[in-house]
Amino acid sequence: MSERRHIVPSGFETQVRHQGSSLDVALAGELDMASTFKLEAELERLWAEHEVHRLVLDLGDLTFVDSAGLGALIAIREQTRKFKAISRG
């Protein structure tokens, strides 16, 4: 199943594909402070809805990442450890 969501007006977008216990999330646009809060909330929602053992983040279409965005990526990695999921990206 794949879903595309514009989660903040600044042009940040996610495309999510869930297959079995794998969650693939493609990020596009600017990962800044505003989009960071929305991204983390979206991932928490997805983790709550699905049993995830593997998370793949595709960062290829990001055009900008500020320090808040970098911090979010590190926090997401730590979350995968909490859920005992493997993260790649």
C-alpha atoms as a PDB file:
ATOM      1  CA  MET A   1       0.000   0.000   0.000  1.00  0.00           C
ATOM      2  CA  SER A   2       1.361   3.422  -0.915  1.00  0.00           C
ATOM      3  CA  GLU A   3       0.177   6.826   0.201  1.00  0.00           C
ATOM      4  CA  ARG A   4       1.442  10.296  -0.616  1.00  0.00           C
ATOM      5  CA  ARG A   5       0.930  13.090   1.878  1.00  0.00           C
ATOM      6  CA  HIS A   6       1.775  16.783   1.882  1.00  0.00           C
ATOM      7  CA  ILE A   7       2.237  17.199   5.595  1.00  0.00           C
ATOM      8  CA  VAL A   8       3.234  20.865   5.757  1.00  0.00           C
ATOM      9  CA  PRO A   9       2.541  23.780   3.411  1.00  0.00           C
ATOM     10  CA  SER A  10       6.247  24.484   2.792  1.00  0.00           C
ATOM     11  CA  GLY A  11       6.421  21.778   0.150  1.00  0.00           C
ATOM     12  CA  PHE A  12       7.618  18.909   2.292  1.00  0.00           C
ATOM     13  CA  GLU A  13       6.105  15.640   1.154  1.00  0.00           C
ATOM     14  CA  THR A  14       6.242  12.013   2.167  1.00  0.00           C
ATOM     15  CA  GLN A  15       5.419   8.944   0.176  1.00  0.00           C
ATOM     16  CA  VAL A  16       4.855   5.878   2.322  1.00  0.00           C
ATOM     17  CA  ARG A  17       4.790   2.251   1.250  1.00  0.00           C
ATOM     18  CA  HIS A  18       3.996  -0.436   3.776  1.00  0.00           C
ATOM     19  CA  GLN A  19       4.655  -4.055   2.836  1.00  0.00           C
ATOM     20  CA  GLY A  20       4.499  -6.705   5.513  1.00  0.00           C
ATOM     21  CA  SER A  21       6.691  -5.524   8.373  1.00  0.00           C
ATOM     22  CA  SER A  22       8.649  -3.082   6.183  1.00  0.00           C
ATOM     23  CA  LEU A  23       7.914   0.637   6.020  1.00  0.00           C
ATOM     24  CA  ASP A  24       9.498   2.594   3.164  1.00  0.00           C
ATOM     25  CA  VAL A  25       9.251   6.375   3.485  1.00  0.00           C
ATOM     26  CA  ALA A  26      10.434   8.694   0.704  1.00  0.00           C
ATOM     27  CA  LEU A  27      10.976  12.302   1.757  1.00  0.00           C
ATOM     28  CA  ALA A  28      10.911  15.227  -0.681  1.00  0.00           C
ATOM     29  CA  GLY A  29      11.339  18.970  -0.317  1.00  0.00           C
ATOM     30  CA  GLU A  30      12.695  20.795   2.719  1.00  0.00           C
ATOM     31  CA  LEU A  31      13.238  18.998   6.011  1.00  0.00           C
ATOM     32  CA  ASP A  32      13.263  21.980   8.347  1.00  0.00           C
ATOM     33  CA  MET A  33      11.935  22.722  11.818  1.00  0.00           C
ATOM     34  CA  ALA A  34       8.307  23.004  10.672  1.00  0.00           C
ATOM     35  CA  SER A  35       8.333  19.760   8.706  1.00  0.00           C
ATOM     36  CA  THR A  36      10.314  17.916  11.389  1.00  0.00           C
ATOM     37  CA  PHE A  37       7.466  18.059  13.912  1.00  0.00           C
ATOM     38  CA  LYS A  38       5.019  16.761  11.334  1.00  0.00           C
ATOM     39  CA  LEU A  39       7.352  14.002  10.136  1.00  0.00           C
ATOM     40  CA  GLU A  40       7.944  12.649  13.627  1.00  0.00           C
ATOM     41  CA  ALA A  41       4.181  12.671  14.361  1.00  0.00           C
ATOM     42  CA  GLU A  42       3.464  10.902  11.062  1.00  0.00           C
ATOM     43  CA  LEU A  43       6.036   8.189  11.758  1.00  0.00           C
ATOM     44  CA  GLU A  44       4.667   7.650  15.268  1.00  0.00           C
ATOM     45  CA  ARG A  45       1.196   7.228  13.743  1.00  0.00           C
ATOM     46  CA  LEU A  46       2.498   4.704  11.225  1.00  0.00           C
ATOM     47  CA  TRP A  47       4.407   2.753  13.899  1.00  0.00           C
ATOM     48  CA  ALA A  48       1.243   2.610  16.005  1.00  0.00           C
ATOM     49  CA  GLU A  49      -0.850   1.332  13.072  1.00  0.00           C
ATOM     50  CA  HIS A  50       1.607  -1.227  11.669  1.00  0.00           C
ATOM     51  CA  GLU A  51       4.023  -3.740  13.091  1.00  0.00           C
ATOM     52  CA  VAL A  52       7.268  -2.376  11.686  1.00  0.00           C
ATOM     53  CA  HIS A  53      10.551  -4.300  11.816  1.00  0.00           C
ATOM     54  CA  ARG A  54      12.302  -2.478   8.986  1.00  0.00           C
ATOM     55  CA  LEU A  55      12.299   1.234   8.166  1.00  0.00           C
ATOM     56  CA  VAL A  56      13.822   2.592   4.976  1.00  0.00           C
ATOM     57  CA  LEU A  57      14.086   6.356   4.544  1.00  0.00           C
ATOM     58  CA  ASP A  58      14.708   7.581   1.001  1.00  0.00           C
ATOM     59  CA  LEU A  59      16.321  11.016   1.302  1.00  0.00           C
ATOM     60  CA  GLY A  60      17.135  11.382  -2.400  1.00  0.00           C
ATOM     61  CA  ASP A  61      14.516  14.050  -3.120  1.00  0.00           C
ATOM     62  CA  LEU A  62      15.263  16.290  -0.143  1.00  0.00           C
ATOM     63  CA  THR A  63      16.380  19.713  -1.320  1.00  0.00           C
ATOM     64  CA  PHE A  64      17.296  21.116   2.104  1.00  0.00           C
ATOM     65  CA  VAL A  65      17.960  19.799   5.619  1.00  0.00           C
ATOM     66  CA  ASP A  66      18.569  22.165   8.536  1.00  0.00           C
ATOM     67  CA  SER A  67      19.862  21.274  11.996  1.00  0.00           C
ATOM     68  CA  ALA A  68      16.347  20.415  13.201  1.00  0.00           C
ATOM     69  CA  GLY A  69      15.924  18.051  10.255  1.00  0.00           C
ATOM     70  CA  LEU A  70      19.244  16.390  10.991  1.00  0.00           C
ATOM     71  CA  GLY A  71      18.236  16.035  14.626  1.00  0.00           C
ATOM     72  CA  ALA A  72      14.960  14.426  13.530  1.00  0.00           C
ATOM     73  CA  LEU A  73      16.800  11.871  11.407  1.00  0.00           C
ATOM     74  CA  ILE A  74      18.967  10.955  14.392  1.00  0.00           C
ATOM     75  CA  ALA A  75      15.885  10.731  16.638  1.00  0.00           C
ATOM     76  CA  ILE A  76      14.164   8.479  14.085  1.00  0.00           C
ATOM     77  CA  ARG A  77      17.173   6.187  14.128  1.00  0.00           C
ATOM     78  CA  GLU A  78      16.927   6.004  17.915  1.00  0.00           C
ATOM     79  CA  GLN A  79      13.188   5.244  17.640  1.00  0.00           C
ATOM     80  CA  THR A  80      13.947   2.285  15.393  1.00  0.00           C
ATOM     81  CA  ARG A  81      16.162   0.892  18.121  1.00  0.00           C
ATOM     82  CA  LYS A  82      13.334   1.316  20.634  1.00  0.00           C
ATOM     83  CA  PHE A  83      11.010  -0.675  18.375  1.00  0.00           C
ATOM     84  CA  LYS A  84      13.836  -3.096  17.572  1.00  0.00           C
ATOM     85  CA  ALA A  85      13.485  -2.236  13.920  1.00  0.00           C
ATOM     86  CA  ILE A  86      16.298  -2.011  11.401  1.00  0.00           C
ATOM     87  CA  SER A  87      16.786   1.398   9.813  1.00  0.00           C
ATOM     88  CA  ARG A  88      18.382   1.985   6.448  1.00  0.00           C
ATOM     89  CA  GLY A  89      18.433   5.008   4.280  1.00  0.00           C
END
